[in-house]
Protein backbone atom coordinates (compact mmCIF):
# COMPACT_ATOMS: atom_id res chain seq x y z
CA UNK A 1 0.00 0.00 0.00
CA UNK A 2 2.76 2.44 0.83
CA UNK A 3 4.55 1.98 -2.49
CA UNK A 4 1.45 2.69 -4.57
CA UNK A 5 -1.28 4.27 -2.41
CA UNK A 6 -3.23 5.67 -5.36
CA UNK A 7 -4.25 2.15 -6.42
CA UNK A 8 -5.40 0.90 -3.02
CA UNK A 9 -8.91 -0.54 -2.80
CA UNK A 10 -10.93 -1.60 0.23
CA UNK A 11 -11.94 -5.23 -0.29
CA UNK A 12 -14.23 -7.43 1.80
CA UNK A 13 -14.85 -11.14 1.15
CA UNK A 14 -18.02 -12.88 2.34
CA UNK A 15 -19.43 -16.35 1.89
CA UNK A 16 -23.15 -15.96 1.19
CA UNK A 17 -24.68 -19.24 2.34
CA UNK A 18 -28.31 -18.25 1.82
CA UNK A 19 -28.28 -15.37 -0.70
CA UNK A 20 -29.14 -12.74 1.88
CA UNK A 21 -26.01 -10.67 1.31
CA UNK A 22 -26.76 -10.33 -2.39
CA UNK A 23 -30.16 -8.88 -1.55
CA UNK A 24 -28.61 -6.47 0.94
CA UNK A 25 -26.18 -5.31 -1.77
CA UNK A 26 -29.27 -4.48 -3.89
CA UNK A 27 -28.06 -6.43 -6.90
CA UNK A 28 -30.54 -7.07 -9.72
CA UNK A 29 -33.06 -9.82 -8.95
CA UNK A 30 -31.53 -12.35 -11.34
CA UNK A 31 -28.16 -12.26 -9.53
CA UNK A 32 -28.06 -15.24 -7.17
CA UNK A 33 -25.29 -15.10 -4.58
CA UNK A 34 -26.38 -18.24 -2.71
CA UNK A 35 -23.37 -20.45 -2.01
CA UNK A 36 -20.97 -18.01 -3.63
CA UNK A 37 -18.11 -15.83 -2.50
CA UNK A 38 -19.31 -12.23 -2.50
CA UNK A 39 -16.54 -9.69 -3.00
CA UNK A 40 -17.20 -6.04 -2.13
CA UNK A 41 -14.67 -3.71 -3.74
CA UNK A 42 -14.81 -0.08 -2.61
CA UNK A 43 -12.66 2.51 -4.32
CA UNK A 44 -11.18 4.57 -1.49
CA UNK A 45 -8.50 6.20 -3.68
CA UNK A 46 -10.46 7.24 -6.80
CA UNK A 47 -9.08 4.42 -8.95
CA UNK A 48 -12.47 4.11 -10.67
CA UNK A 49 -13.10 7.86 -10.90
CA UNK A 50 -13.30 9.59 -14.25
CA UNK A 51 -13.67 6.27 -16.05
CA UNK A 52 -16.77 5.15 -17.86
CA UNK A 53 -17.97 2.43 -20.17
CA UNK A 54 -15.37 0.00 -21.43
CA UNK A 55 -12.51 1.63 -19.48
CA UNK A 56 -14.37 1.10 -16.21
CA UNK A 57 -15.27 -2.50 -17.07
CA UNK A 58 -11.62 -3.18 -17.96
CA UNK A 59 -10.53 -1.77 -14.60
CA UNK A 60 -13.06 -3.98 -12.79
CA UNK A 61 -11.70 -7.01 -14.66
CA UNK A 62 -8.09 -6.21 -13.86
CA UNK A 63 -8.80 -5.72 -10.15
CA UNK A 64 -10.96 -8.83 -9.80
CA UNK A 65 -8.39 -11.03 -11.55
CA UNK A 66 -5.81 -9.97 -8.97
CA UNK A 67 -8.22 -10.48 -6.06
CA UNK A 68 -9.38 -13.90 -7.27
CA UNK A 69 -5.80 -15.18 -7.21
CA UNK A 70 -5.90 -14.87 -3.41
CA UNK A 71 -8.99 -17.07 -3.04
CA UNK A 72 -8.43 -19.60 -5.83
CA UNK A 73 -8.39 -22.48 -3.33
CA UNK A 74 -11.93 -21.57 -2.22
CA UNK A 75 -13.26 -20.34 -5.55
CA UNK A 76 -11.86 -22.69 -8.17
CA UNK A 77 -14.16 -21.44 -10.95
CA UNK A 78 -14.26 -17.66 -10.87
CA UNK A 79 -17.31 -17.45 -13.14
CA UNK A 80 -19.40 -19.81 -11.02
CA UNK A 81 -18.05 -19.18 -7.51
CA UNK A 82 -17.61 -15.39 -7.30
CA UNK A 83 -19.97 -12.45 -7.42
CA UNK A 84 -18.25 -9.07 -7.11
CA UNK A 85 -19.73 -5.66 -6.45
CA UNK A 86 -17.78 -2.47 -7.24
CA UNK A 87 -18.47 0.75 -5.33
CA UNK A 88 -17.23 4.31 -5.65
CA UNK A 89 -15.51 6.12 -2.80
CA UNK A 90 -18.93 7.37 -1.68
CA UNK A 91 -20.23 3.77 -1.75
CA UNK A 92 -22.30 4.30 -4.89
CA UNK A 93 -22.74 1.03 -6.80
CA UNK A 94 -20.76 1.28 -10.05
CA UNK A 95 -21.00 -2.24 -11.38
CA UNK A 96 -20.83 -5.94 -10.67
CA UNK A 97 -19.44 -9.26 -11.89
CA UNK A 98 -21.77 -12.26 -12.24
CA UNK A 99 -21.42 -15.54 -14.15
CA UNK A 100 -18.32 -14.44 -16.05
CA UNK A 101 -19.66 -11.06 -17.16
CA UNK A 102 -18.96 -7.54 -15.97
CA UNK A 103 -21.87 -5.12 -15.85
CA UNK A 104 -22.13 -1.39 -15.25
CA UNK A 105 -24.84 -0.43 -12.81
CA UNK A 106 -28.03 0.62 -14.54
CA UNK A 107 -27.31 -1.10 -17.85
């Protein structure tokens, strides 16, 4: 963190045994987090700021690929085992990852 503080993100990992956490995160109704690792990624250093569209989705992908390497013993299939939610510094939902696809919020 000290060598590159502008790229630091606040990350929380949860195991959602019954799907309740996905509902709390206010994900779209078709997103089922039951039995999955839910990853909350909050941008506390404006890494996601001033990006939109494809650039923001690419940044989500890059960050989640790094994070998934730390849990690959628990989540052997990233597309099936992980749901990720990306928030701005003000905890505004920016996008999410579900079943191998990255989505911007509201699209």
